[in-house]
Amino acid sequence: MSVLQIEIASAGSAELVEAVNRLLPQLTSAPKALGREDLDAILASSSCLLILARCDGHVAGMLTLGWFQAPTGARAFIDDVVVDEHHRGRGIGEALVRSALDQARRLNAKTVDLTSRPAREAANRLYRRLGFEQRETNSYRYRFDAVSG
Protein backbone atom coordinates (compact mmCIF):
# COMPACT_ATOMS: atom_id res chain seq x y z
CA MET A 1 0.00 0.00 0.00
CA SER A 2 1.31 3.44 -0.97
CA VAL A 3 1.94 6.16 1.57
CA LEU A 4 0.11 9.37 0.62
CA GLN A 5 1.43 12.73 1.79
CA ILE A 6 -0.09 16.13 1.04
CA GLU A 7 2.27 19.08 1.22
CA ILE A 8 2.57 22.69 0.21
CA ALA A 9 5.43 23.16 -2.22
CA SER A 10 7.91 25.60 -0.73
CA ALA A 11 11.04 25.25 -2.80
CA GLY A 12 11.64 24.59 -6.46
CA SER A 13 13.78 21.72 -7.62
CA ALA A 14 14.56 19.89 -10.82
CA GLU A 15 12.37 17.02 -9.54
CA LEU A 16 9.40 19.34 -9.00
CA VAL A 17 9.82 20.99 -12.42
CA GLU A 18 9.85 17.53 -14.02
CA ALA A 19 6.77 16.44 -12.05
CA VAL A 20 4.76 19.54 -12.94
CA ASN A 21 5.70 19.19 -16.60
CA ARG A 22 4.71 15.49 -16.49
CA LEU A 23 1.29 16.36 -15.02
CA LEU A 24 0.44 19.36 -17.23
CA PRO A 25 -0.32 17.31 -20.40
CA GLN A 26 -2.80 15.30 -18.32
CA LEU A 27 -4.54 18.55 -17.41
CA THR A 28 -4.65 20.48 -20.65
CA SER A 29 -4.37 19.73 -24.35
CA ALA A 30 -1.97 22.60 -24.97
CA PRO A 31 0.48 22.62 -22.04
CA LYS A 32 3.29 25.15 -21.89
CA ALA A 33 6.37 23.68 -20.27
CA LEU A 34 7.40 25.40 -17.06
CA GLY A 35 11.00 26.21 -16.35
CA ARG A 36 12.59 26.57 -12.94
CA GLU A 37 12.07 30.35 -13.03
CA ASP A 38 8.34 29.88 -13.73
CA LEU A 39 8.00 27.47 -10.83
CA ASP A 40 9.97 29.74 -8.50
CA ALA A 41 7.63 32.64 -9.38
CA ILE A 42 4.59 30.52 -8.50
CA LEU A 43 6.11 29.42 -5.21
CA ALA A 44 7.10 33.01 -4.33
CA SER A 45 3.57 34.35 -4.87
CA SER A 46 1.82 35.73 -1.82
CA SER A 47 -1.61 34.88 -3.26
CA CYS A 48 -1.36 31.21 -4.20
CA LEU A 49 -0.15 27.85 -3.03
CA LEU A 50 0.93 24.84 -5.04
CA ILE A 51 -0.34 21.81 -3.13
CA LEU A 52 1.25 18.47 -3.94
CA ALA A 53 0.25 14.87 -3.36
CA ARG A 54 3.13 12.44 -3.02
CA CYS A 55 2.81 8.68 -3.18
CA ASP A 56 5.85 6.95 -1.75
CA GLY A 57 7.75 10.22 -2.14
CA HIS A 58 6.90 10.81 -5.81
CA VAL A 59 4.60 13.62 -6.97
CA ALA A 60 1.32 11.99 -7.98
CA GLY A 61 -0.91 15.05 -8.19
CA MET A 62 -1.19 18.78 -7.63
CA LEU A 63 -3.54 21.71 -7.45
CA THR A 64 -3.25 25.45 -7.11
CA LEU A 65 -5.12 27.42 -4.48
CA GLY A 66 -5.37 31.14 -5.15
CA TRP A 67 -7.01 33.89 -3.12
CA PHE A 68 -7.78 37.58 -3.04
CA GLN A 69 -9.55 40.11 -0.86
CA ALA A 70 -12.71 41.60 -2.42
CA PRO A 71 -15.00 44.27 -0.94
CA THR A 72 -17.50 41.49 -0.20
CA GLY A 73 -14.95 39.32 1.62
CA ALA A 74 -11.98 37.07 1.08
CA ARG A 75 -12.38 34.68 -1.84
CA ALA A 76 -10.41 31.63 -2.84
CA PHE A 77 -10.33 29.47 -5.94
CA ILE A 78 -8.96 26.08 -6.85
CA ASP A 79 -7.35 25.62 -10.24
CA ASP A 80 -5.18 23.17 -12.16
CA VAL A 81 -6.27 20.05 -10.27
CA VAL A 82 -4.61 16.97 -11.72
CA VAL A 83 -3.79 13.48 -10.49
CA ASP A 84 -1.38 11.36 -12.49
CA GLU A 85 -3.30 8.83 -14.57
CA HIS A 86 -1.38 5.96 -12.91
CA HIS A 87 -2.58 7.05 -9.46
CA ARG A 88 -6.24 7.86 -10.09
CA GLY A 89 -9.02 6.24 -8.11
CA ARG A 90 -7.04 6.20 -4.86
CA GLY A 91 -8.52 9.30 -3.15
CA ILE A 92 -5.66 11.58 -4.10
CA GLY A 93 -7.87 14.22 -5.72
CA GLU A 94 -10.09 14.27 -2.64
CA ALA A 95 -7.08 14.66 -0.34
CA LEU A 96 -5.77 17.55 -2.45
CA VAL A 97 -9.13 19.36 -2.48
CA ARG A 98 -9.66 18.84 1.25
CA SER A 99 -6.21 20.28 1.91
CA ALA A 100 -7.02 23.31 -0.26
CA LEU A 101 -10.32 23.81 1.61
CA ASP A 102 -8.45 23.67 4.93
CA GLN A 103 -5.99 26.30 3.71
CA ALA A 104 -8.82 28.53 2.42
CA ARG A 105 -10.56 28.24 5.80
CA ARG A 106 -7.34 29.37 7.53
CA LEU A 107 -7.27 32.37 5.16
CA ASN A 108 -10.84 33.24 6.25
CA ALA A 109 -12.14 32.83 2.71
CA LYS A 110 -15.87 33.38 2.42
CA THR A 111 -16.12 31.07 -0.59
CA VAL A 112 -13.97 28.70 -2.64
CA ASP A 113 -14.73 28.49 -6.35
CA LEU A 114 -13.56 26.13 -9.03
CA THR A 115 -14.52 25.20 -12.56
CA SER A 116 -14.46 21.82 -14.21
CA ARG A 117 -15.28 20.73 -17.73
CA PRO A 118 -18.44 18.60 -17.94
CA ALA A 119 -16.44 15.79 -19.56
CA ARG A 120 -14.47 15.35 -16.32
CA GLU A 121 -17.26 13.28 -14.82
CA ALA A 122 -15.30 11.75 -11.93
CA ALA A 123 -13.96 15.14 -10.90
CA ASN A 124 -17.43 16.69 -11.02
CA ARG A 125 -18.82 13.87 -8.85
CA LEU A 126 -16.00 14.44 -6.36
CA TYR A 127 -16.63 18.19 -6.13
CA ARG A 128 -20.36 17.66 -5.52
CA ARG A 129 -19.65 14.97 -2.92
CA LEU A 130 -17.31 17.36 -1.09
CA GLY A 131 -20.04 20.01 -0.87
CA PHE A 132 -19.41 22.22 -3.89
CA GLU A 133 -22.61 23.52 -5.42
CA GLN A 134 -23.01 24.01 -9.13
CA ARG A 135 -23.73 27.67 -9.75
CA GLU A 136 -26.18 29.08 -12.23
CA THR A 137 -23.92 31.62 -13.80
CA ASN A 138 -22.24 32.49 -17.04
CA SER A 139 -18.53 31.96 -17.05
CA TYR A 140 -16.51 34.22 -19.32
CA ARG A 141 -12.88 34.27 -20.31
CA TYR A 142 -10.95 37.03 -22.03
CA ARG A 143 -7.93 35.72 -23.90
CA PHE A 144 -5.17 38.22 -24.54
CA ASP A 145 -3.55 35.89 -27.08
CA ALA A 146 -6.78 35.82 -29.12
CA VAL A 147 -7.22 39.60 -29.40
CA SER A 148 -5.40 41.58 -32.04
CA GLY A 149 -4.35 45.15 -31.49
C-alpha atoms as a PDB file:
ATOM      1  CA  MET A   1       0.000   0.000   0.000  1.00  0.00           C
ATOM      2  CA  SER A   2       1.312   3.439  -0.973  1.00  0.00           C
ATOM      3  CA  VAL A   3       1.942   6.158   1.571  1.00  0.00           C
ATOM      4  CA  LEU A   4       0.108   9.373   0.618  1.00  0.00           C
ATOM      5  CA  GLN A   5       1.428  12.726   1.791  1.00  0.00           C
ATOM      6  CA  ILE A   6      -0.090  16.133   1.040  1.00  0.00           C
ATOM      7  CA  GLU A   7       2.271  19.084   1.225  1.00  0.00           C
ATOM      8  CA  ILE A   8       2.571  22.694   0.214  1.00  0.00           C
ATOM      9  CA  ALA A   9       5.429  23.163  -2.217  1.00  0.00           C
ATOM     10  CA  SER A  10       7.908  25.602  -0.732  1.00  0.00           C
ATOM     11  CA  ALA A  11      11.044  25.251  -2.803  1.00  0.00           C
ATOM     12  CA  GLY A  12      11.637  24.591  -6.464  1.00  0.00           C
ATOM     13  CA  SER A  13      13.777  21.716  -7.616  1.00  0.00           C
ATOM     14  CA  ALA A  14      14.562  19.889 -10.823  1.00  0.00           C
ATOM     15  CA  GLU A  15      12.372  17.019  -9.542  1.00  0.00           C
ATOM     16  CA  LEU A  16       9.405  19.343  -9.005  1.00  0.00           C
ATOM     17  CA  VAL A  17       9.816  20.994 -12.422  1.00  0.00           C
ATOM     18  CA  GLU A  18       9.846  17.525 -14.020  1.00  0.00           C
ATOM     19  CA  ALA A  19       6.773  16.443 -12.052  1.00  0.00           C
ATOM     20  CA  VAL A  20       4.759  19.543 -12.935  1.00  0.00           C
ATOM     21  CA  ASN A  21       5.698  19.193 -16.604  1.00  0.00           C
ATOM     22  CA  ARG A  22       4.712  15.490 -16.494  1.00  0.00           C
ATOM     23  CA  LEU A  23       1.288  16.364 -15.020  1.00  0.00           C
ATOM     24  CA  LEU A  24       0.442  19.362 -17.233  1.00  0.00           C
ATOM     25  CA  PRO A  25      -0.316  17.312 -20.398  1.00  0.00           C
ATOM     26  CA  GLN A  26      -2.797  15.296 -18.321  1.00  0.00           C
ATOM     27  CA  LEU A  27      -4.543  18.553 -17.410  1.00  0.00           C
ATOM     28  CA  THR A  28      -4.652  20.480 -20.652  1.00  0.00           C
ATOM     29  CA  SER A  29      -4.374  19.726 -24.346  1.00  0.00           C
ATOM     30  CA  ALA A  30      -1.967  22.600 -24.970  1.00  0.00           C
ATOM     31  CA  PRO A  31       0.480  22.616 -22.040  1.00  0.00           C
ATOM     32  CA  LYS A  32       3.286  25.152 -21.893  1.00  0.00           C
ATOM     33  CA  ALA A  33       6.370  23.683 -20.268  1.00  0.00           C
ATOM     34  CA  LEU A  34       7.400  25.398 -17.064  1.00  0.00           C
ATOM     35  CA  GLY A  35      11.002  26.212 -16.352  1.00  0.00           C
ATOM     36  CA  ARG A  36      12.594  26.574 -12.942  1.00  0.00           C
ATOM     37  CA  GLU A  37      12.073  30.350 -13.028  1.00  0.00           C
ATOM     38  CA  ASP A  38       8.344  29.883 -13.732  1.00  0.00           C
ATOM     39  CA  LEU A  39       8.001  27.469 -10.834  1.00  0.00           C
ATOM     40  CA  ASP A  40       9.970  29.739  -8.505  1.00  0.00           C
ATOM     41  CA  ALA A  41       7.628  32.637  -9.376  1.00  0.00           C
ATOM     42  CA  ILE A  42       4.587  30.521  -8.500  1.00  0.00           C
ATOM     43  CA  LEU A  43       6.113  29.424  -5.214  1.00  0.00           C
ATOM     44  CA  ALA A  44       7.100  33.013  -4.332  1.00  0.00           C
ATOM     45  CA  SER A  45       3.572  34.346  -4.874  1.00  0.00           C
ATOM     46  CA  SER A  46       1.819  35.735  -1.822  1.00  0.00           C
ATOM     47  CA  SER A  47      -1.612  34.876  -3.258  1.00  0.00           C
ATOM     48  CA  CYS A  48      -1.361  31.212  -4.204  1.00  0.00           C
ATOM     49  CA  LEU A  49      -0.150  27.846  -3.031  1.00  0.00           C
ATOM     50  CA  LEU A  50       0.931  24.838  -5.039  1.00  0.00           C
ATOM     51  CA  ILE A  51      -0.341  21.814  -3.125  1.00  0.00           C
ATOM     52  CA  LEU A  52       1.249  18.467  -3.936  1.00  0.00           C
ATOM     53  CA  ALA A  53       0.246  14.865  -3.360  1.00  0.00           C
ATOM     54  CA  ARG A  54       3.127  12.444  -3.017  1.00  0.00           C
ATOM     55  CA  CYS A  55       2.806   8.677  -3.184  1.00  0.00           C
ATOM     56  CA  ASP A  56       5.852   6.950  -1.749  1.00  0.00           C
ATOM     57  CA  GLY A  57       7.754  10.221  -2.141  1.00  0.00           C
ATOM     58  CA  HIS A  58       6.898  10.806  -5.812  1.00  0.00           C
ATOM     59  CA  VAL A  59       4.602  13.621  -6.974  1.00  0.00           C
ATOM     60  CA  ALA A  60       1.322  11.991  -7.983  1.00  0.00           C
ATOM     61  CA  GLY A  61      -0.914  15.054  -8.188  1.00  0.00           C
ATOM     62  CA  MET A  62      -1.190  18.778  -7.633  1.00  0.00           C
ATOM     63  CA  LEU A  63      -3.541  21.709  -7.450  1.00  0.00           C
ATOM     64  CA  THR A  64      -3.253  25.447  -7.114  1.00  0.00           C
ATOM     65  CA  LEU A  65      -5.117  27.424  -4.477  1.00  0.00           C
ATOM     66  CA  GLY A  66      -5.373  31.142  -5.146  1.00  0.00           C
ATOM     67  CA  TRP A  67      -7.014  33.887  -3.119  1.00  0.00           C
ATOM     68  CA  PHE A  68      -7.778  37.583  -3.043  1.00  0.00           C
ATOM     69  CA  GLN A  69      -9.554  40.114  -0.860  1.00  0.00           C
ATOM     70  CA  ALA A  70     -12.705  41.602  -2.422  1.00  0.00           C
ATOM     71  CA  PRO A  71     -15.005  44.274  -0.938  1.00  0.00           C
ATOM     72  CA  THR A  72     -17.502  41.490  -0.196  1.00  0.00           C
ATOM     73  CA  GLY A  73     -14.954  39.319   1.622  1.00  0.00           C
ATOM     74  CA  ALA A  74     -11.982  37.070   1.082  1.00  0.00           C
ATOM     75  CA  ARG A  75     -12.379  34.683  -1.844  1.00  0.00           C
ATOM     76  CA  ALA A  76     -10.406  31.629  -2.842  1.00  0.00           C
ATOM     77  CA  PHE A  77     -10.335  29.466  -5.937  1.00  0.00           C
ATOM     78  CA  ILE A  78      -8.959  26.080  -6.846  1.00  0.00           C
ATOM     79  CA  ASP A  79      -7.349  25.621 -10.244  1.00  0.00           C
ATOM     80  CA  ASP A  80      -5.177  23.171 -12.157  1.00  0.00           C
ATOM     81  CA  VAL A  81      -6.271  20.047 -10.268  1.00  0.00           C
ATOM     82  CA  VAL A  82      -4.609  16.968 -11.716  1.00  0.00           C
ATOM     83  CA  VAL A  83      -3.789  13.475 -10.491  1.00  0.00           C
ATOM     84  CA  ASP A  84      -1.376  11.359 -12.487  1.00  0.00           C
ATOM     85  CA  GLU A  85      -3.298   8.828 -14.566  1.00  0.00           C
ATOM     86  CA  HIS A  86      -1.380   5.962 -12.907  1.00  0.00           C
ATOM     87  CA  HIS A  87      -2.583   7.051  -9.457  1.00  0.00           C
ATOM     88  CA  ARG A  88      -6.238   7.864 -10.094  1.00  0.00           C
ATOM     89  CA  GLY A  89      -9.024   6.242  -8.112  1.00  0.00           C
ATOM     90  CA  ARG A  90      -7.040   6.204  -4.857  1.00  0.00           C
ATOM     91  CA  GLY A  91      -8.521   9.296  -3.155  1.00  0.00           C
ATOM     92  CA  ILE A  92      -5.659  11.585  -4.098  1.00  0.00           C
ATOM     93  CA  GLY A  93      -7.873  14.216  -5.723  1.00  0.00           C
ATOM     94  CA  GLU A  94     -10.088  14.271  -2.642  1.00  0.00           C
ATOM     95  CA  ALA A  95      -7.077  14.663  -0.342  1.00  0.00           C
ATOM     96  CA  LEU A  96      -5.773  17.553  -2.451  1.00  0.00           C
ATOM     97  CA  VAL A  97      -9.126  19.362  -2.484  1.00  0.00           C
ATOM     98  CA  ARG A  98      -9.662  18.836   1.252  1.00  0.00           C
ATOM     99  CA  SER A  99      -6.208  20.276   1.914  1.00  0.00           C
ATOM    100  CA  ALA A 100      -7.024  23.308  -0.257  1.00  0.00           C
ATOM    101  CA  LEU A 101     -10.315  23.814   1.609  1.00  0.00           C
ATOM    102  CA  ASP A 102      -8.452  23.672   4.933  1.00  0.00           C
ATOM    103  CA  GLN A 103      -5.994  26.299   3.714  1.00  0.00           C
ATOM    104  CA  ALA A 104      -8.825  28.527   2.422  1.00  0.00           C
ATOM    105  CA  ARG A 105     -10.561  28.243   5.805  1.00  0.00           C
ATOM    106  CA  ARG A 106      -7.337  29.369   7.533  1.00  0.00           C
ATOM    107  CA  LEU A 107      -7.271  32.368   5.164  1.00  0.00           C
ATOM    108  CA  ASN A 108     -10.843  33.238   6.248  1.00  0.00           C
ATOM    109  CA  ALA A 109     -12.142  32.833   2.709  1.00  0.00           C
ATOM    110  CA  LYS A 110     -15.871  33.379   2.419  1.00  0.00           C
ATOM    111  CA  THR A 111     -16.116  31.065  -0.592  1.00  0.00           C
ATOM    112  CA  VAL A 112     -13.973  28.697  -2.641  1.00  0.00           C
ATOM    113  CA  ASP A 113     -14.734  28.489  -6.347  1.00  0.00           C
ATOM    114  CA  LEU A 114     -13.557  26.129  -9.030  1.00  0.00           C
ATOM    115  CA  THR A 115     -14.515  25.202 -12.557  1.00  0.00           C
ATOM    116  CA  SER A 116     -14.464  21.818 -14.214  1.00  0.00           C
ATOM    117  CA  ARG A 117     -15.279  20.730 -17.729  1.00  0.00           C
ATOM    118  CA  PRO A 118     -18.444  18.599 -17.939  1.00  0.00           C
ATOM    119  CA  ALA A 119     -16.438  15.793 -19.558  1.00  0.00           C
ATOM    120  CA  ARG A 120     -14.467  15.354 -16.320  1.00  0.00           C
ATOM    121  CA  GLU A 121     -17.260  13.276 -14.825  1.00  0.00           C
ATOM    122  CA  ALA A 122     -15.296  11.752 -11.933  1.00  0.00           C
ATOM    123  CA  ALA A 123     -13.960  15.143 -10.899  1.00  0.00           C
ATOM    124  CA  ASN A 124     -17.430  16.688 -11.018  1.00  0.00           C
ATOM    125  CA  ARG A 125     -18.820  13.874  -8.852  1.00  0.00           C
ATOM    126  CA  LEU A 126     -16.004  14.442  -6.364  1.00  0.00           C
ATOM    127  CA  TYR A 127     -16.633  18.186  -6.133  1.00  0.00           C
ATOM    128  CA  ARG A 128     -20.361  17.658  -5.520  1.00  0.00           C
ATOM    129  CA  ARG A 129     -19.646  14.975  -2.924  1.00  0.00           C
ATOM    130  CA  LEU A 130     -17.307  17.356  -1.088  1.00  0.00           C
ATOM    131  CA  GLY A 131     -20.042  20.009  -0.874  1.00  0.00           C
ATOM    132  CA  PHE A 132     -19.406  22.221  -3.887  1.00  0.00           C
ATOM    133  CA  GLU A 133     -22.615  23.522  -5.421  1.00  0.00           C
ATOM    134  CA  GLN A 134     -23.009  24.011  -9.134  1.00  0.00           C
ATOM    135  CA  ARG A 135     -23.730  27.672  -9.748  1.00  0.00           C
ATOM    136  CA  GLU A 136     -26.180  29.084 -12.229  1.00  0.00           C
ATOM    137  CA  THR A 137     -23.920  31.622 -13.799  1.00  0.00           C
ATOM    138  CA  ASN A 138     -22.244  32.494 -17.039  1.00  0.00           C
ATOM    139  CA  SER A 139     -18.531  31.963 -17.051  1.00  0.00           C
ATOM    140  CA  TYR A 140     -16.512  34.217 -19.323  1.00  0.00           C
ATOM    141  CA  ARG A 141     -12.876  34.272 -20.310  1.00  0.00           C
ATOM    142  CA  TYR A 142     -10.947  37.029 -22.030  1.00  0.00           C
ATOM    143  CA  ARG A 143      -7.929  35.719 -23.903  1.00  0.00           C
ATOM    144  CA  PHE A 144      -5.167  38.218 -24.544  1.00  0.00           C
ATOM    145  CA  ASP A 145      -3.550  35.887 -27.080  1.00  0.00           C
ATOM    146  CA  ALA A 146      -6.782  35.817 -29.120  1.00  0.00           C
ATOM    147  CA  VAL A 147      -7.218  39.602 -29.403  1.00  0.00           C
ATOM    148  CA  SER A 148      -5.404  41.581 -32.036  1.00  0.00           C
ATOM    149  CA  GLY A 149      -4.353  45.152 -31.485  1.00  0.00           C
END
